[in-house]
């Protein structure tokens, strides 16, 4: 299962993933899969998601803030299972 902070950030912005897909020019299915942690985003998709989040939240997020590196994902999974 992919780990990302997309769900937290979209809930903070009070935006549904379906409507967010129009801002990122990604398919609704892709964003819902990312939102629920069912898949990992490609680098190009990550960039468009972060760009849209920055404009909506008025923040300076990096790709690593939304999609943590694999090493961090393993640490998060280990904490959840313990």
PDB file of N, CA and C in Angstrom:
ATOM      1  N   UNK A   1       0.841  -1.181   0.000  1.00  0.00           N
ATOM      2  CA  UNK A   1       0.000   0.000   0.000  1.00  0.00           C
ATOM      3  C   UNK A   1       0.884   1.240   0.000  1.00  0.00           C
ATOM      4  N   UNK A   2       0.562   2.170  -0.828  1.00  0.00           N
ATOM      5  CA  UNK A   2       1.337   3.405  -0.937  1.00  0.00           C
ATOM      6  C   UNK A   2       0.994   4.351   0.210  1.00  0.00           C
ATOM      7  N   UNK A   3       1.995   5.047   0.681  1.00  0.00           N
ATOM      8  CA  UNK A   3       1.798   6.001   1.768  1.00  0.00           C
ATOM      9  C   UNK A   3       2.000   7.404   1.216  1.00  0.00           C
ATOM     10  N   UNK A   4       1.019   8.268   1.443  1.00  0.00           N
ATOM     11  CA  UNK A   4       1.172   9.667   1.053  1.00  0.00           C
ATOM     12  C   UNK A   4       0.309  10.533   1.960  1.00  0.00           C
ATOM     13  N   UNK A   5       0.519  11.824   1.874  1.00  0.00           N
ATOM     14  CA  UNK A   5      -0.209  12.785   2.696  1.00  0.00           C
ATOM     15  C   UNK A   5      -1.299  13.492   1.907  1.00  0.00           C
ATOM     16  N   UNK A   6      -1.666  12.947   0.773  1.00  0.00           N
ATOM     17  CA  UNK A   6      -2.640  13.602  -0.094  1.00  0.00           C
ATOM     18  C   UNK A   6      -4.007  13.708   0.588  1.00  0.00           C
ATOM     19  N   UNK A   7      -4.415  12.656   1.259  1.00  0.00           N
ATOM     20  CA  UNK A   7      -5.721  12.664   1.920  1.00  0.00           C
ATOM     21  C   UNK A   7      -5.788  13.760   2.983  1.00  0.00           C
ATOM     22  N   UNK A   8      -4.749  13.868   3.775  1.00  0.00           N
ATOM     23  CA  UNK A   8      -4.706  14.886   4.826  1.00  0.00           C
ATOM     24  C   UNK A   8      -4.768  16.290   4.240  1.00  0.00           C
ATOM     25  N   UNK A   9      -3.998  16.522   3.180  1.00  0.00           N
ATOM     26  CA  UNK A   9      -3.943  17.862   2.584  1.00  0.00           C
ATOM     27  C   UNK A   9      -5.249  18.233   1.879  1.00  0.00           C
ATOM     28  N   UNK A  10      -5.874  17.276   1.200  1.00  0.00           N
ATOM     29  CA  UNK A  10      -7.147  17.580   0.534  1.00  0.00           C
ATOM     30  C   UNK A  10      -8.258  17.795   1.548  1.00  0.00           C
ATOM     31  N   UNK A  11      -8.229  17.046   2.649  1.00  0.00           N
ATOM     32  CA  UNK A  11      -9.214  17.263   3.708  1.00  0.00           C
ATOM     33  C   UNK A  11      -9.010  18.631   4.361  1.00  0.00           C
ATOM     34  N   UNK A  12      -7.756  19.042   4.506  1.00  0.00           N
ATOM     35  CA  UNK A  12      -7.447  20.362   5.057  1.00  0.00           C
ATOM     36  C   UNK A  12      -7.980  21.469   4.146  1.00  0.00           C
ATOM     37  N   UNK A  13      -7.876  21.257   2.846  1.00  0.00           N
ATOM     38  CA  UNK A  13      -8.357  22.251   1.876  1.00  0.00           C
ATOM     39  C   UNK A  13      -9.863  22.133   1.643  1.00  0.00           C
ATOM     40  N   UNK A  14     -10.478  21.089   2.198  1.00  0.00           N
ATOM     41  CA  UNK A  14     -11.920  20.824   2.046  1.00  0.00           C
ATOM     42  C   UNK A  14     -12.287  20.670   0.574  1.00  0.00           C
ATOM     43  N   UNK A  15     -11.482  19.854  -0.131  1.00  0.00           N
ATOM     44  CA  UNK A  15     -11.690  19.605  -1.545  1.00  0.00           C
ATOM     45  C   UNK A  15     -11.841  18.106  -1.753  1.00  0.00           C
ATOM     46  N   UNK A  16     -12.831  17.717  -2.536  1.00  0.00           N
ATOM     47  CA  UNK A  16     -13.042  16.311  -2.869  1.00  0.00           C
ATOM     48  C   UNK A  16     -12.070  15.922  -3.985  1.00  0.00           C
ATOM     49  N   UNK A  17     -11.537  14.712  -3.940  1.00  0.00           N
ATOM     50  CA  UNK A  17     -10.583  14.303  -4.982  1.00  0.00           C
ATOM     51  C   UNK A  17     -11.147  14.383  -6.402  1.00  0.00           C
ATOM     52  N   UNK A  18     -12.428  14.172  -6.558  1.00  0.00           N
ATOM     53  CA  UNK A  18     -13.035  14.256  -7.880  1.00  0.00           C
ATOM     54  C   UNK A  18     -12.953  15.650  -8.466  1.00  0.00           C
ATOM     55  N   UNK A  19     -13.183  16.656  -7.655  1.00  0.00           N
ATOM     56  CA  UNK A  19     -13.080  18.032  -8.144  1.00  0.00           C
ATOM     57  C   UNK A  19     -11.623  18.471  -8.261  1.00  0.00           C
ATOM     58  N   UNK A  20     -10.769  17.896  -7.454  1.00  0.00           N
ATOM     59  CA  UNK A  20      -9.340  18.212  -7.508  1.00  0.00           C
ATOM     60  C   UNK A  20      -8.719  17.713  -8.816  1.00  0.00           C
ATOM     61  N   UNK A  21      -9.307  16.682  -9.391  1.00  0.00           N
ATOM     62  CA  UNK A  21      -8.750  16.115 -10.627  1.00  0.00           C
ATOM     63  C   UNK A  21      -8.791  17.114 -11.780  1.00  0.00           C
ATOM     64  N   UNK A  22      -9.753  18.018 -11.787  1.00  0.00           N
ATOM     65  CA  UNK A  22      -9.812  19.011 -12.857  1.00  0.00           C
ATOM     66  C   UNK A  22      -8.655  20.012 -12.759  1.00  0.00           C
ATOM     67  N   UNK A  23      -8.209  20.302 -11.557  1.00  0.00           N
ATOM     68  CA  UNK A  23      -7.095  21.240 -11.374  1.00  0.00           C
ATOM     69  C   UNK A  23      -5.759  20.628 -11.747  1.00  0.00           C
ATOM     70  N   UNK A  24      -5.643  19.313 -11.576  1.00  0.00           N
ATOM     71  CA  UNK A  24      -4.366  18.650 -11.849  1.00  0.00           C
ATOM     72  C   UNK A  24      -4.292  18.061 -13.247  1.00  0.00           C
ATOM     73  N   UNK A  25      -5.410  18.009 -13.934  1.00  0.00           N
ATOM     74  CA  UNK A  25      -5.494  17.411 -15.273  1.00  0.00           C
ATOM     75  C   UNK A  25      -5.151  15.925 -15.245  1.00  0.00           C
ATOM     76  N   UNK A  26      -5.452  15.283 -14.128  1.00  0.00           N
ATOM     77  CA  UNK A  26      -5.319  13.834 -13.999  1.00  0.00           C
ATOM     78  C   UNK A  26      -6.715  13.230 -13.958  1.00  0.00           C
ATOM     79  N   UNK A  27      -6.800  11.957 -14.252  1.00  0.00           N
ATOM     80  CA  UNK A  27      -8.116  11.328 -14.240  1.00  0.00           C
ATOM     81  C   UNK A  27      -8.635  11.209 -12.806  1.00  0.00           C
ATOM     82  N   UNK A  28      -9.937  11.182 -12.692  1.00  0.00           N
ATOM     83  CA  UNK A  28     -10.587  11.056 -11.390  1.00  0.00           C
ATOM     84  C   UNK A  28     -10.203   9.734 -10.740  1.00  0.00           C
ATOM     85  N   UNK A  29     -10.132   8.670 -11.549  1.00  0.00           N
ATOM     86  CA  UNK A  29      -9.775   7.348 -11.039  1.00  0.00           C
ATOM     87  C   UNK A  29      -8.356   7.345 -10.454  1.00  0.00           C
ATOM     88  N   UNK A  30      -7.431   7.998 -11.128  1.00  0.00           N
ATOM     89  CA  UNK A  30      -6.052   8.066 -10.646  1.00  0.00           C
ATOM     90  C   UNK A  30      -5.977   8.788  -9.316  1.00  0.00           C
ATOM     91  N   UNK A  31      -6.653   9.914  -9.213  1.00  0.00           N
ATOM     92  CA  UNK A  31      -6.609  10.669  -7.956  1.00  0.00           C
ATOM     93  C   UNK A  31      -7.287   9.924  -6.811  1.00  0.00           C
ATOM     94  N   UNK A  32      -8.378   9.238  -7.091  1.00  0.00           N
ATOM     95  CA  UNK A  32      -9.023   8.462  -6.039  1.00  0.00           C
ATOM     96  C   UNK A  32      -8.127   7.317  -5.574  1.00  0.00           C
ATOM     97  N   UNK A  33      -7.418   6.680  -6.485  1.00  0.00           N
ATOM     98  CA  UNK A  33      -6.496   5.608  -6.113  1.00  0.00           C
ATOM     99  C   UNK A  33      -5.350   6.157  -5.252  1.00  0.00           C
ATOM    100  N   UNK A  34      -4.838   7.322  -5.599  1.00  0.00           N
ATOM    101  CA  UNK A  34      -3.793   7.957  -4.800  1.00  0.00           C
ATOM    102  C   UNK A  34      -4.330   8.388  -3.438  1.00  0.00           C
ATOM    103  N   UNK A  35      -5.529   8.940  -3.425  1.00  0.00           N
ATOM    104  CA  UNK A  35      -6.166   9.424  -2.208  1.00  0.00           C
ATOM    105  C   UNK A  35      -6.335   8.292  -1.194  1.00  0.00           C
ATOM    106  N   UNK A  36      -6.720   7.120  -1.684  1.00  0.00           N
ATOM    107  CA  UNK A  36      -6.953   5.973  -0.804  1.00  0.00           C
ATOM    108  C   UNK A  36      -5.700   5.130  -0.598  1.00  0.00           C
ATOM    109  N   UNK A  37      -4.583   5.533  -1.191  1.00  0.00           N
ATOM    110  CA  UNK A  37      -3.330   4.825  -0.992  1.00  0.00           C
ATOM    111  C   UNK A  37      -3.224   3.521  -1.749  1.00  0.00           C
ATOM    112  N   UNK A  38      -3.978   3.366  -2.812  1.00  0.00           N
ATOM    113  CA  UNK A  38      -3.968   2.133  -3.584  1.00  0.00           C
ATOM    114  C   UNK A  38      -2.830   2.068  -4.595  1.00  0.00           C
ATOM    115  N   UNK A  39      -2.246   3.213  -4.954  1.00  0.00           N
ATOM    116  CA  UNK A  39      -1.155   3.219  -5.908  1.00  0.00           C
ATOM    117  C   UNK A  39      -0.225   4.394  -5.647  1.00  0.00           C
ATOM    118  N   UNK A  40       0.917   4.349  -6.311  1.00  0.00           N
ATOM    119  CA  UNK A  40       1.920   5.399  -6.182  1.00  0.00           C
ATOM    120  C   UNK A  40       1.886   6.261  -7.437  1.00  0.00           C
ATOM    121  N   UNK A  41       2.073   7.553  -7.268  1.00  0.00           N
ATOM    122  CA  UNK A  41       2.019   8.483  -8.396  1.00  0.00           C
ATOM    123  C   UNK A  41       3.337   8.494  -9.155  1.00  0.00           C
ATOM    124  N   UNK A  42       3.241   8.673 -10.455  1.00  0.00           N
ATOM    125  CA  UNK A  42       4.421   8.861 -11.300  1.00  0.00           C
ATOM    126  C   UNK A  42       5.007  10.237 -10.998  1.00  0.00           C
ATOM    127  N   UNK A  43       6.298  10.439 -11.273  1.00  0.00           N
ATOM    128  CA  UNK A  43       6.911  11.735 -10.983  1.00  0.00           C
ATOM    129  C   UNK A  43       6.205  12.924 -11.637  1.00  0.00           C
ATOM    130  N   UNK A  44       5.736  12.764 -12.864  1.00  0.00           N
ATOM    131  CA  UNK A  44       5.028  13.856 -13.536  1.00  0.00           C
ATOM    132  C   UNK A  44       3.714  14.159 -12.819  1.00  0.00           C
ATOM    133  N   UNK A  45       3.006  13.120 -12.386  1.00  0.00           N
ATOM    134  CA  UNK A  45       1.752  13.306 -11.654  1.00  0.00           C
ATOM    135  C   UNK A  45       2.006  13.949 -10.300  1.00  0.00           C
ATOM    136  N   UNK A  46       3.086  13.555  -9.641  1.00  0.00           N
ATOM    137  CA  UNK A  46       3.433  14.145  -8.355  1.00  0.00           C
ATOM    138  C   UNK A  46       3.641  15.648  -8.491  1.00  0.00           C
ATOM    139  N   UNK A  47       4.338  16.046  -9.545  1.00  0.00           N
ATOM    140  CA  UNK A  47       4.590  17.470  -9.763  1.00  0.00           C
ATOM    141  C   UNK A  47       3.322  18.260  -9.984  1.00  0.00           C
ATOM    142  N   UNK A  48       2.396  17.722 -10.773  1.00  0.00           N
ATOM    143  CA  UNK A  48       1.155  18.459 -11.031  1.00  0.00           C
ATOM    144  C   UNK A  48       0.273  18.512  -9.788  1.00  0.00           C
ATOM    145  N   UNK A  49       0.301  17.465  -8.970  1.00  0.00           N
ATOM    146  CA  UNK A  49      -0.478  17.465  -7.729  1.00  0.00           C
ATOM    147  C   UNK A  49       0.074  18.491  -6.754  1.00  0.00           C
ATOM    148  N   UNK A  50       1.387  18.516  -6.593  1.00  0.00           N
ATOM    149  CA  UNK A  50       2.013  19.469  -5.667  1.00  0.00           C
ATOM    150  C   UNK A  50       1.791  20.905  -6.139  1.00  0.00           C
ATOM    151  N   UNK A  51       1.878  21.134  -7.427  1.00  0.00           N
ATOM    152  CA  UNK A  51       1.649  22.473  -7.969  1.00  0.00           C
ATOM    153  C   UNK A  51       0.224  22.934  -7.683  1.00  0.00           C
ATOM    154  N   UNK A  52      -0.759  22.059  -7.874  1.00  0.00           N
ATOM    155  CA  UNK A  52      -2.155  22.406  -7.604  1.00  0.00           C
ATOM    156  C   UNK A  52      -2.393  22.617  -6.110  1.00  0.00           C
ATOM    157  N   UNK A  53      -1.782  21.780  -5.264  1.00  0.00           N
ATOM    158  CA  UNK A  53      -1.929  21.949  -3.815  1.00  0.00           C
ATOM    159  C   UNK A  53      -1.326  23.271  -3.351  1.00  0.00           C
ATOM    160  N   UNK A  54      -0.178  23.628  -3.890  1.00  0.00           N
ATOM    161  CA  UNK A  54       0.451  24.900  -3.512  1.00  0.00           C
ATOM    162  C   UNK A  54      -0.435  26.087  -3.860  1.00  0.00           C
ATOM    163  N   UNK A  55      -1.093  26.039  -5.006  1.00  0.00           N
ATOM    164  CA  UNK A  55      -1.945  27.161  -5.389  1.00  0.00           C
ATOM    165  C   UNK A  55      -3.224  27.200  -4.551  1.00  0.00           C
ATOM    166  N   UNK A  56      -3.720  26.039  -4.163  1.00  0.00           N
ATOM    167  CA  UNK A  56      -4.956  26.005  -3.367  1.00  0.00           C
ATOM    168  C   UNK A  56      -4.718  26.357  -1.908  1.00  0.00           C
ATOM    169  N   UNK A  57      -3.649  25.823  -1.330  1.00  0.00           N
ATOM    170  CA  UNK A  57      -3.392  26.006   0.098  1.00  0.00           C
ATOM    171  C   UNK A  57      -2.539  27.228   0.412  1.00  0.00           C
ATOM    172  N   UNK A  58      -1.997  27.876  -0.632  1.00  0.00           N
ATOM    173  CA  UNK A  58      -1.108  29.028  -0.445  1.00  0.00           C
ATOM    174  C   UNK A  58       0.081  28.638   0.429  1.00  0.00           C
ATOM    175  N   UNK A  59       0.656  27.457   0.140  1.00  0.00           N
ATOM    176  CA  UNK A  59       1.815  26.954   0.869  1.00  0.00           C
ATOM    177  C   UNK A  59       2.916  26.641  -0.125  1.00  0.00           C
ATOM    178  N   UNK A  60       4.095  26.401   0.382  1.00  0.00           N
ATOM    179  CA  UNK A  60       5.215  25.966  -0.442  1.00  0.00           C
ATOM    180  C   UNK A  60       5.543  24.525  -0.072  1.00  0.00           C
ATOM    181  N   UNK A  61       4.787  23.600  -0.618  1.00  0.00           N
ATOM    182  CA  UNK A  61       5.019  22.186  -0.367  1.00  0.00           C
ATOM    183  C   UNK A  61       5.998  21.638  -1.393  1.00  0.00           C
ATOM    184  N   UNK A  62       6.811  20.700  -0.970  1.00  0.00           N
ATOM    185  CA  UNK A  62       7.705  19.994  -1.881  1.00  0.00           C
ATOM    186  C   UNK A  62       7.096  18.623  -2.165  1.00  0.00           C
ATOM    187  N   UNK A  63       7.600  17.956  -3.171  1.00  0.00           N
ATOM    188  CA  UNK A  63       7.093  16.630  -3.518  1.00  0.00           C
ATOM    189  C   UNK A  63       7.280  15.676  -2.337  1.00  0.00           C
ATOM    190  N   UNK A  64       8.381  15.800  -1.613  1.00  0.00           N
ATOM    191  CA  UNK A  64       8.640  14.954  -0.451  1.00  0.00           C
ATOM    192  C   UNK A  64       7.671  15.179   0.696  1.00  0.00           C
ATOM    193  N   UNK A  65       7.048  16.344   0.755  1.00  0.00           N
ATOM    194  CA  UNK A  65       6.060  16.614   1.798  1.00  0.00           C
ATOM    195  C   UNK A  65       4.761  15.854   1.550  1.00  0.00           C
ATOM    196  N   UNK A  66       4.406  15.700   0.305  1.00  0.00           N
ATOM    197  CA  UNK A  66       3.154  15.032  -0.049  1.00  0.00           C
ATOM    198  C   UNK A  66       3.381  13.530  -0.260  1.00  0.00           C
ATOM    199  N   UNK A  67       4.461  13.210  -0.942  1.00  0.00           N
ATOM    200  CA  UNK A  67       4.792  11.814  -1.240  1.00  0.00           C
ATOM    201  C   UNK A  67       6.148  11.500  -0.618  1.00  0.00           C
ATOM    202  N   UNK A  68       6.177  10.962   0.613  1.00  0.00           N
ATOM    203  CA  UNK A  68       7.457  10.710   1.283  1.00  0.00           C
ATOM    204  C   UNK A  68       8.275   9.640   0.556  1.00  0.00           C
ATOM    205  N   UNK A  69       9.601   9.699   0.693  1.00  0.00           N
ATOM    206  CA  UNK A  69      10.462   8.695   0.065  1.00  0.00           C
ATOM    207  C   UNK A  69      10.192   7.294   0.607  1.00  0.00           C
ATOM    208  N   UNK A  70      10.617   6.289  -0.122  1.00  0.00           N
ATOM    209  CA  UNK A  70      10.362   4.886   0.238  1.00  0.00           C
ATOM    210  C   UNK A  70      10.873   4.543   1.628  1.00  0.00           C
ATOM    211  N   UNK A  71      12.023   5.064   2.027  1.00  0.00           N
ATOM    212  CA  UNK A  71      12.575   4.747   3.346  1.00  0.00           C
ATOM    213  C   UNK A  71      11.641   5.220   4.447  1.00  0.00           C
ATOM    214  N   UNK A  72      11.061   6.393   4.272  1.00  0.00           N
ATOM    215  CA  UNK A  72      10.119   6.912   5.255  1.00  0.00           C
ATOM    216  C   UNK A  72       8.843   6.090   5.262  1.00  0.00           C
ATOM    217  N   UNK A  73       8.413   5.618   4.100  1.00  0.00           N
ATOM    218  CA  UNK A  73       7.199   4.815   4.020  1.00  0.00           C
ATOM    219  C   UNK A  73       7.355   3.537   4.816  1.00  0.00           C
ATOM    220  N   UNK A  74       8.518   2.883   4.718  1.00  0.00           N
ATOM    221  CA  UNK A  74       8.754   1.652   5.458  1.00  0.00           C
ATOM    222  C   UNK A  74       8.731   1.908   6.958  1.00  0.00           C
ATOM    223  N   UNK A  75       9.293   3.039   7.387  1.00  0.00           N
ATOM    224  CA  UNK A  75       9.302   3.383   8.811  1.00  0.00           C
ATOM    225  C   UNK A  75       7.881   3.629   9.318  1.00  0.00           C
ATOM    226  N   UNK A  76       7.060   4.282   8.515  1.00  0.00           N
ATOM    227  CA  UNK A  76       5.664   4.554   8.897  1.00  0.00           C
ATOM    228  C   UNK A  76       4.891   3.253   9.014  1.00  0.00           C
ATOM    229  N   UNK A  77       5.088   2.345   8.055  1.00  0.00           N
ATOM    230  CA  UNK A  77       4.404   1.051   8.107  1.00  0.00           C
ATOM    231  C   UNK A  77       4.814   0.254   9.346  1.00  0.00           C
ATOM    232  N   UNK A  78       6.100   0.296   9.701  1.00  0.00           N
ATOM    233  CA  UNK A  78       6.584  -0.428  10.866  1.00  0.00           C
ATOM    234  C   UNK A  78       5.968   0.139  12.145  1.00  0.00           C
ATOM    235  N   UNK A  79       5.807   1.452  12.217  1.00  0.00           N
ATOM    236  CA  UNK A  79       5.191   2.070  13.384  1.00  0.00           C
ATOM    237  C   UNK A  79       3.724   1.700  13.496  1.00  0.00           C
ATOM    238  N   UNK A  80       3.026   1.639  12.355  1.00  0.00           N
ATOM    239  CA  UNK A  80       1.606   1.313  12.374  1.00  0.00           C
ATOM    240  C   UNK A  80       1.357  -0.128  12.812  1.00  0.00           C
ATOM    241  N   UNK A  81       2.248  -1.047  12.417  1.00  0.00           N
ATOM    242  CA  UNK A  81       2.044  -2.454  12.740  1.00  0.00           C
ATOM    243  C   UNK A  81       2.490  -2.798  14.154  1.00  0.00           C
ATOM    244  N   UNK A  82       3.302  -1.931  14.767  1.00  0.00           N
ATOM    245  CA  UNK A  82       3.800  -2.222  16.122  1.00  0.00           C
ATOM    246  C   UNK A  82       2.788  -1.944  17.183  1.00  0.00           C
TER     247      UNK A  82
END
